[in-house]
N, C-alpha and C. Protein backbone atom coordinates (compact mmCIF):
# COMPACT_ATOMS: atom_id res chain seq x y z
N MET A 1 74.31 95.50 130.22
CA MET A 1 73.00 95.64 130.83
C MET A 1 73.08 96.71 131.92
N GLU A 2 72.11 97.58 131.94
CA GLU A 2 72.07 98.66 132.92
C GLU A 2 71.60 98.11 134.26
N SER A 3 72.35 98.44 135.32
CA SER A 3 71.94 97.98 136.65
C SER A 3 71.61 99.15 137.56
N PHE A 4 71.32 100.30 136.97
CA PHE A 4 70.98 101.49 137.76
C PHE A 4 69.52 101.44 138.16
N THR A 5 69.26 101.63 139.46
CA THR A 5 67.88 101.69 139.93
C THR A 5 67.68 103.03 140.62
N TYR A 6 66.52 103.64 140.35
CA TYR A 6 66.20 104.93 140.94
C TYR A 6 65.67 104.73 142.35
N VAL A 7 66.24 105.43 143.32
CA VAL A 7 65.80 105.34 144.70
C VAL A 7 65.32 106.73 145.12
N ASN A 8 64.09 106.81 145.52
CA ASN A 8 63.54 108.08 145.98
C ASN A 8 63.98 108.30 147.42
N ILE A 9 64.67 109.41 147.71
CA ILE A 9 65.19 109.64 149.05
C ILE A 9 64.07 109.86 150.05
N PHE A 10 62.91 110.33 149.59
CA PHE A 10 61.82 110.60 150.51
C PHE A 10 61.11 109.32 150.94
N GLU A 11 61.23 108.24 150.17
CA GLU A 11 60.63 106.97 150.56
C GLU A 11 61.44 106.29 151.65
N THR A 12 62.73 106.51 151.71
CA THR A 12 63.58 105.85 152.69
C THR A 12 63.76 106.67 153.96
N LYS A 13 63.30 107.91 153.98
CA LYS A 13 63.50 108.75 155.16
C LYS A 13 62.77 108.20 156.38
N GLY A 14 61.58 107.65 156.20
CA GLY A 14 60.83 107.11 157.33
C GLY A 14 61.58 106.00 158.02
N LEU A 15 62.15 105.09 157.25
CA LEU A 15 62.91 103.98 157.82
C LEU A 15 64.16 104.50 158.53
N GLU A 16 64.82 105.47 157.96
CA GLU A 16 66.02 106.02 158.59
C GLU A 16 65.68 106.69 159.92
N TYR A 17 64.56 107.42 159.97
CA TYR A 17 64.17 108.06 161.22
C TYR A 17 63.80 107.03 162.28
N ILE A 18 63.12 105.95 161.89
CA ILE A 18 62.76 104.91 162.85
C ILE A 18 64.02 104.26 163.41
N LEU A 19 64.99 103.96 162.56
CA LEU A 19 66.24 103.36 163.03
C LEU A 19 66.99 104.31 163.95
N LEU A 20 67.00 105.60 163.63
CA LEU A 20 67.69 106.58 164.46
C LEU A 20 67.04 106.70 165.83
N ILE A 21 65.72 106.73 165.87
CA ILE A 21 65.02 106.84 167.15
C ILE A 21 65.26 105.59 168.00
N CYS A 22 65.21 104.41 167.38
CA CYS A 22 65.49 103.17 168.12
C CYS A 22 66.92 103.16 168.66
N PHE A 23 67.87 103.61 167.85
CA PHE A 23 69.26 103.66 168.31
C PHE A 23 69.42 104.60 169.50
N LEU A 24 68.81 105.76 169.44
CA LEU A 24 68.94 106.72 170.54
C LEU A 24 68.30 106.20 171.81
N ILE A 25 67.14 105.54 171.70
CA ILE A 25 66.49 104.97 172.88
C ILE A 25 67.36 103.88 173.49
N LEU A 26 67.89 103.00 172.66
CA LEU A 26 68.77 101.95 173.18
C LEU A 26 70.05 102.53 173.77
N PHE A 27 70.55 103.60 173.20
CA PHE A 27 71.75 104.23 173.73
C PHE A 27 71.50 104.81 175.12
N VAL A 28 70.33 105.41 175.33
CA VAL A 28 69.98 105.95 176.65
C VAL A 28 69.94 104.83 177.68
N PHE A 29 69.29 103.71 177.33
CA PHE A 29 69.24 102.58 178.27
C PHE A 29 70.62 102.01 178.54
N PHE A 30 71.48 101.98 177.51
CA PHE A 30 72.84 101.47 177.69
C PHE A 30 73.63 102.36 178.64
N VAL A 31 73.51 103.67 178.49
CA VAL A 31 74.23 104.60 179.36
C VAL A 31 73.73 104.46 180.80
N ARG A 32 72.42 104.35 180.97
CA ARG A 32 71.86 104.16 182.32
C ARG A 32 72.37 102.86 182.94
N TYR A 33 72.45 101.80 182.15
CA TYR A 33 72.94 100.51 182.65
C TYR A 33 74.40 100.62 183.06
N MET A 34 75.20 101.29 182.27
CA MET A 34 76.62 101.42 182.59
C MET A 34 76.81 102.26 183.85
N ASN A 35 76.03 103.31 184.03
CA ASN A 35 76.13 104.14 185.23
C ASN A 35 75.65 103.38 186.44
N ALA A 36 74.65 102.55 186.33
CA ALA A 36 74.12 101.78 187.46
C ALA A 36 75.15 100.76 187.93
N THR A 37 75.89 100.15 187.01
CA THR A 37 76.88 99.16 187.42
C THR A 37 78.07 99.83 188.10
N GLU A 38 78.36 101.06 187.74
CA GLU A 38 79.47 101.76 188.40
C GLU A 38 79.13 102.09 189.85
N LYS A 39 77.89 102.42 190.13
CA LYS A 39 77.49 102.79 191.48
C LYS A 39 77.46 101.60 192.42
N ARG A 40 77.20 100.38 191.88
CA ARG A 40 77.12 99.18 192.71
C ARG A 40 78.46 98.78 193.27
N THR A 41 79.53 99.02 192.55
CA THR A 41 80.85 98.56 193.01
C THR A 41 81.48 99.49 194.00
């Protein structure tokens, strides 16, 4: 039985861009948090 499914790369690009933008935003907040804790000590 064939288990090959066709995936259109243009249909998944939107989801990939949303995940990338969310990751970058969270990364910026993480870096700011780490820098803020260094200044307190």
